[in-house]
Amino acid sequence: MERTCNIDAKGRVVRFVTGIFAIIAGFVLAILVTQGVLSPEPYWMLVTGSIIGGIFAMWEARAGWCVVRAIGIKTPL
């Protein structure tokens, strides 16, 4: 099934910026965990999820395709 563009330029920018911030937050959390500020057990999952989610948001921005819109949910952007 071909993915067709379902977000405009503004939505692409928002997804790209959100992806950048999610990746930065993931790296900040990773630093806090490795320095012993946060306990590693619960936070490594957040680190992984934040970085993977950020990469996915940036991919959505590049592709111009939003998975949430593709399943029929209306988004404001």
Protein backbone atom coordinates (compact mmCIF):
# COMPACT_ATOMS: atom_id res chain seq x y z
CA MET A 1 0.00 0.00 0.00
CA GLU A 2 1.41 3.35 -1.08
CA ARG A 3 1.69 6.08 1.56
CA THR A 4 0.35 9.37 0.27
CA CYS A 5 1.17 12.75 1.75
CA ASN A 6 -1.46 13.58 4.37
CA ILE A 7 0.12 16.52 6.23
CA ASP A 8 0.94 20.03 5.07
CA ALA A 9 4.17 22.00 5.48
CA LYS A 10 3.22 23.30 8.93
CA GLY A 11 2.50 19.79 10.19
CA ARG A 12 5.80 18.57 8.78
CA VAL A 13 7.73 21.30 10.61
CA VAL A 14 5.94 20.55 13.88
CA ARG A 15 6.68 16.83 13.59
CA PHE A 16 10.33 17.49 12.73
CA VAL A 17 10.83 19.85 15.68
CA THR A 18 9.00 17.45 17.99
CA GLY A 19 11.30 14.67 16.82
CA ILE A 20 14.40 16.74 17.51
CA PHE A 21 13.21 17.60 21.02
CA ALA A 22 12.30 13.96 21.73
CA ILE A 23 15.77 12.79 20.68
CA ILE A 24 17.45 15.49 22.77
CA ALA A 25 15.29 14.54 25.77
CA GLY A 26 16.26 10.90 25.27
CA PHE A 27 19.95 11.75 25.28
CA VAL A 28 19.57 13.95 28.37
CA LEU A 29 17.79 11.09 30.16
CA ALA A 30 20.53 8.70 29.04
CA ILE A 31 23.19 10.98 30.50
CA LEU A 32 21.27 11.24 33.78
CA VAL A 33 20.95 7.46 33.97
CA THR A 34 24.61 6.80 33.18
CA GLN A 35 25.71 9.37 35.78
CA GLY A 36 23.60 7.70 38.46
CA VAL A 37 21.15 10.58 38.93
CA LEU A 38 18.23 8.37 37.85
CA SER A 39 17.90 4.67 38.57
CA PRO A 40 18.44 2.66 35.39
CA GLU A 41 15.61 0.12 35.71
CA PRO A 42 12.58 2.26 34.77
CA TYR A 43 14.33 4.99 32.81
CA TRP A 44 16.10 3.02 30.07
CA MET A 45 12.72 2.23 28.57
CA LEU A 46 11.92 5.96 28.50
CA VAL A 47 15.28 6.70 26.90
CA THR A 48 14.71 4.10 24.20
CA GLY A 49 11.11 5.15 23.58
CA SER A 50 12.00 8.82 23.38
CA ILE A 51 14.79 8.30 20.87
CA ILE A 52 12.83 5.85 18.70
CA GLY A 53 9.73 8.07 18.86
CA GLY A 54 11.80 11.09 17.86
CA ILE A 55 13.30 9.25 14.91
CA PHE A 56 9.82 8.14 13.82
CA ALA A 57 8.45 11.71 14.10
CA MET A 58 11.31 12.99 11.96
CA TRP A 59 10.65 10.24 9.42
CA GLU A 60 6.97 11.25 9.32
CA ALA A 61 8.01 14.84 8.67
CA ARG A 62 10.33 13.82 5.86
CA ALA A 63 7.75 11.50 4.28
CA GLY A 64 4.86 13.93 4.76
CA TRP A 65 2.81 11.10 6.18
CA CYS A 66 1.22 10.88 9.63
CA VAL A 67 0.26 7.47 11.01
CA VAL A 68 -2.42 9.00 13.26
CA ARG A 69 -4.09 10.69 10.30
CA ALA A 70 -3.74 7.53 8.23
CA ILE A 71 -5.93 5.59 10.68
CA GLY A 72 -8.62 8.28 10.50
CA ILE A 73 -8.03 10.45 13.57
CA LYS A 74 -8.28 14.18 12.81
CA THR A 75 -5.34 16.22 14.10
CA PRO A 76 -5.25 20.02 14.38
CA LEU A 77 -2.08 20.34 12.28
